[in-house]
Amino acid sequence: MLTTSQTADPVATQIDPSHPLTSEEDRERMSRMLDELPENQQQVIRLKFHSGLKYREISEATGLSVSNVGFLLHTALQKLRDQLQ
């Protein structure tokens, strides 16, 4: 969720996955948005933010390179940010 002071700063309008969602509606919306991502992006998002794994651990769990994990996370988060705006 964004505070009033954050909405004035375009850099601060990024998703903060560590920030808890405040309502059931927010959680449902985020779940639907995640479901719309490609499977590989869903997987790395869940491993990073739900399981708390580091890039190297995600790489080992998925067989992807560390740089590919970073790319997939970046791309997925950018898509989520775009959908929220």
C-alpha atoms as a PDB file:
ATOM      1  CA  MET A   1       0.000   0.000   0.000  1.00  0.00           C
ATOM      2  CA  LEU A   2       1.199   3.500  -0.734  1.00  0.00           C
ATOM      3  CA  THR A   3       1.084   6.330   1.720  1.00  0.00           C
ATOM      4  CA  THR A   4       0.022   9.814   0.691  1.00  0.00           C
ATOM      5  CA  SER A   5       3.629  10.989   0.672  1.00  0.00           C
ATOM      6  CA  GLN A   6       4.661   8.123  -1.607  1.00  0.00           C
ATOM      7  CA  THR A   7       2.087   8.882  -4.283  1.00  0.00           C
ATOM      8  CA  ALA A   8       3.789  12.195  -5.054  1.00  0.00           C
ATOM      9  CA  ASP A   9       7.107  10.446  -5.752  1.00  0.00           C
ATOM     10  CA  PRO A  10       7.021   8.276  -8.909  1.00  0.00           C
ATOM     11  CA  VAL A  11      10.055   6.304  -7.735  1.00  0.00           C
ATOM     12  CA  ALA A  12       8.232   5.412  -4.523  1.00  0.00           C
ATOM     13  CA  THR A  13       5.257   3.933  -6.373  1.00  0.00           C
ATOM     14  CA  GLN A  14       7.000   0.587  -6.664  1.00  0.00           C
ATOM     15  CA  ILE A  15       5.494  -2.561  -5.196  1.00  0.00           C
ATOM     16  CA  ASP A  16       6.909  -3.424  -1.808  1.00  0.00           C
ATOM     17  CA  PRO A  17       6.398  -7.198  -1.585  1.00  0.00           C
ATOM     18  CA  SER A  18       7.434  -7.184   2.059  1.00  0.00           C
ATOM     19  CA  HIS A  19       4.561  -4.833   2.961  1.00  0.00           C
ATOM     20  CA  PRO A  20       1.543  -6.834   4.148  1.00  0.00           C
ATOM     21  CA  LEU A  21      -1.631  -6.428   2.156  1.00  0.00           C
ATOM     22  CA  THR A  22      -4.288  -4.731   4.222  1.00  0.00           C
ATOM     23  CA  SER A  23      -7.497  -6.257   3.007  1.00  0.00           C
ATOM     24  CA  GLU A  24      -8.905  -9.454   1.611  1.00  0.00           C
ATOM     25  CA  GLU A  25      -9.704  -7.540  -1.566  1.00  0.00           C
ATOM     26  CA  ASP A  26      -6.037  -6.517  -1.936  1.00  0.00           C
ATOM     27  CA  ARG A  27      -4.906 -10.113  -1.433  1.00  0.00           C
ATOM     28  CA  GLU A  28      -7.402 -11.399  -3.985  1.00  0.00           C
ATOM     29  CA  ARG A  29      -6.364  -8.762  -6.513  1.00  0.00           C
ATOM     30  CA  MET A  30      -2.677  -9.587  -6.072  1.00  0.00           C
ATOM     31  CA  SER A  31      -3.420 -13.302  -6.373  1.00  0.00           C
ATOM     32  CA  ARG A  32      -5.272 -12.733  -9.661  1.00  0.00           C
ATOM     33  CA  MET A  33      -2.436 -10.578 -10.959  1.00  0.00           C
ATOM     34  CA  LEU A  34       0.122 -13.254 -10.051  1.00  0.00           C
ATOM     35  CA  ASP A  35      -1.986 -15.908 -11.779  1.00  0.00           C
ATOM     36  CA  GLU A  36      -1.794 -13.879 -14.995  1.00  0.00           C
ATOM     37  CA  LEU A  37       2.021 -13.992 -15.049  1.00  0.00           C
ATOM     38  CA  PRO A  38       3.844 -16.718 -16.997  1.00  0.00           C
ATOM     39  CA  GLU A  39       4.475 -19.843 -14.902  1.00  0.00           C
ATOM     40  CA  ASN A  40       8.248 -19.274 -14.597  1.00  0.00           C
ATOM     41  CA  GLN A  41       7.664 -15.734 -13.268  1.00  0.00           C
ATOM     42  CA  GLN A  42       5.054 -16.995 -10.803  1.00  0.00           C
ATOM     43  CA  GLN A  43       7.497 -19.617  -9.584  1.00  0.00           C
ATOM     44  CA  VAL A  44      10.384 -17.222  -8.907  1.00  0.00           C
ATOM     45  CA  ILE A  45       8.051 -14.663  -7.265  1.00  0.00           C
ATOM     46  CA  ARG A  46       6.702 -17.313  -4.896  1.00  0.00           C
ATOM     47  CA  LEU A  47      10.150 -18.689  -4.087  1.00  0.00           C
ATOM     48  CA  LYS A  48      11.509 -15.196  -3.428  1.00  0.00           C
ATOM     49  CA  PHE A  49       8.656 -13.593  -1.499  1.00  0.00           C
ATOM     50  CA  HIS A  50       6.673 -16.509  -0.066  1.00  0.00           C
ATOM     51  CA  SER A  51       9.583 -18.839   0.707  1.00  0.00           C
ATOM     52  CA  GLY A  52      12.175 -16.123   1.325  1.00  0.00           C
ATOM     53  CA  LEU A  53      14.852 -17.722  -0.861  1.00  0.00           C
ATOM     54  CA  LYS A  54      17.872 -15.845  -2.164  1.00  0.00           C
ATOM     55  CA  TYR A  55      18.595 -15.687  -5.905  1.00  0.00           C
ATOM     56  CA  ARG A  56      21.223 -18.456  -5.621  1.00  0.00           C
ATOM     57  CA  GLU A  57      18.757 -20.709  -3.783  1.00  0.00           C
ATOM     58  CA  ILE A  58      16.061 -20.031  -6.389  1.00  0.00           C
ATOM     59  CA  SER A  59      18.605 -20.848  -9.079  1.00  0.00           C
ATOM     60  CA  GLU A  60      19.397 -24.175  -7.444  1.00  0.00           C
ATOM     61  CA  ALA A  61      15.722 -25.021  -6.911  1.00  0.00           C
ATOM     62  CA  THR A  62      14.691 -24.218 -10.488  1.00  0.00           C
ATOM     63  CA  GLY A  63      17.780 -25.024 -12.530  1.00  0.00           C
ATOM     64  CA  LEU A  64      17.802 -21.460 -13.864  1.00  0.00           C
ATOM     65  CA  SER A  65      20.911 -19.291 -13.831  1.00  0.00           C
ATOM     66  CA  VAL A  66      21.123 -16.630 -11.132  1.00  0.00           C
ATOM     67  CA  SER A  67      20.989 -13.923 -13.805  1.00  0.00           C
ATOM     68  CA  ASN A  68      17.864 -15.504 -15.316  1.00  0.00           C
ATOM     69  CA  VAL A  69      16.242 -15.557 -11.868  1.00  0.00           C
ATOM     70  CA  GLY A  70      17.002 -11.837 -11.520  1.00  0.00           C
ATOM     71  CA  PHE A  71      15.615 -11.096 -14.972  1.00  0.00           C
ATOM     72  CA  LEU A  72      12.400 -13.042 -14.312  1.00  0.00           C
ATOM     73  CA  LEU A  73      11.879 -11.300 -10.963  1.00  0.00           C
ATOM     74  CA  HIS A  74      12.523  -7.881 -12.462  1.00  0.00           C
ATOM     75  CA  THR A  75      10.159  -8.539 -15.369  1.00  0.00           C
ATOM     76  CA  ALA A  76       7.408  -9.934 -13.134  1.00  0.00           C
ATOM     77  CA  LEU A  77       7.603  -7.051 -10.657  1.00  0.00           C
ATOM     78  CA  GLN A  78       7.536  -4.533 -13.492  1.00  0.00           C
ATOM     79  CA  LYS A  79       4.388  -6.158 -14.903  1.00  0.00           C
ATOM     80  CA  LEU A  80       2.758  -6.067 -11.461  1.00  0.00           C
ATOM     81  CA  ARG A  81       3.708  -2.399 -11.006  1.00  0.00           C
ATOM     82  CA  ASP A  82       2.262  -1.542 -14.409  1.00  0.00           C
ATOM     83  CA  GLN A  83      -1.013  -3.309 -13.553  1.00  0.00           C
ATOM     84  CA  LEU A  84      -1.301  -1.421 -10.262  1.00  0.00           C
ATOM     85  CA  GLN A  85      -1.004   1.979 -11.919  1.00  0.00           C
END
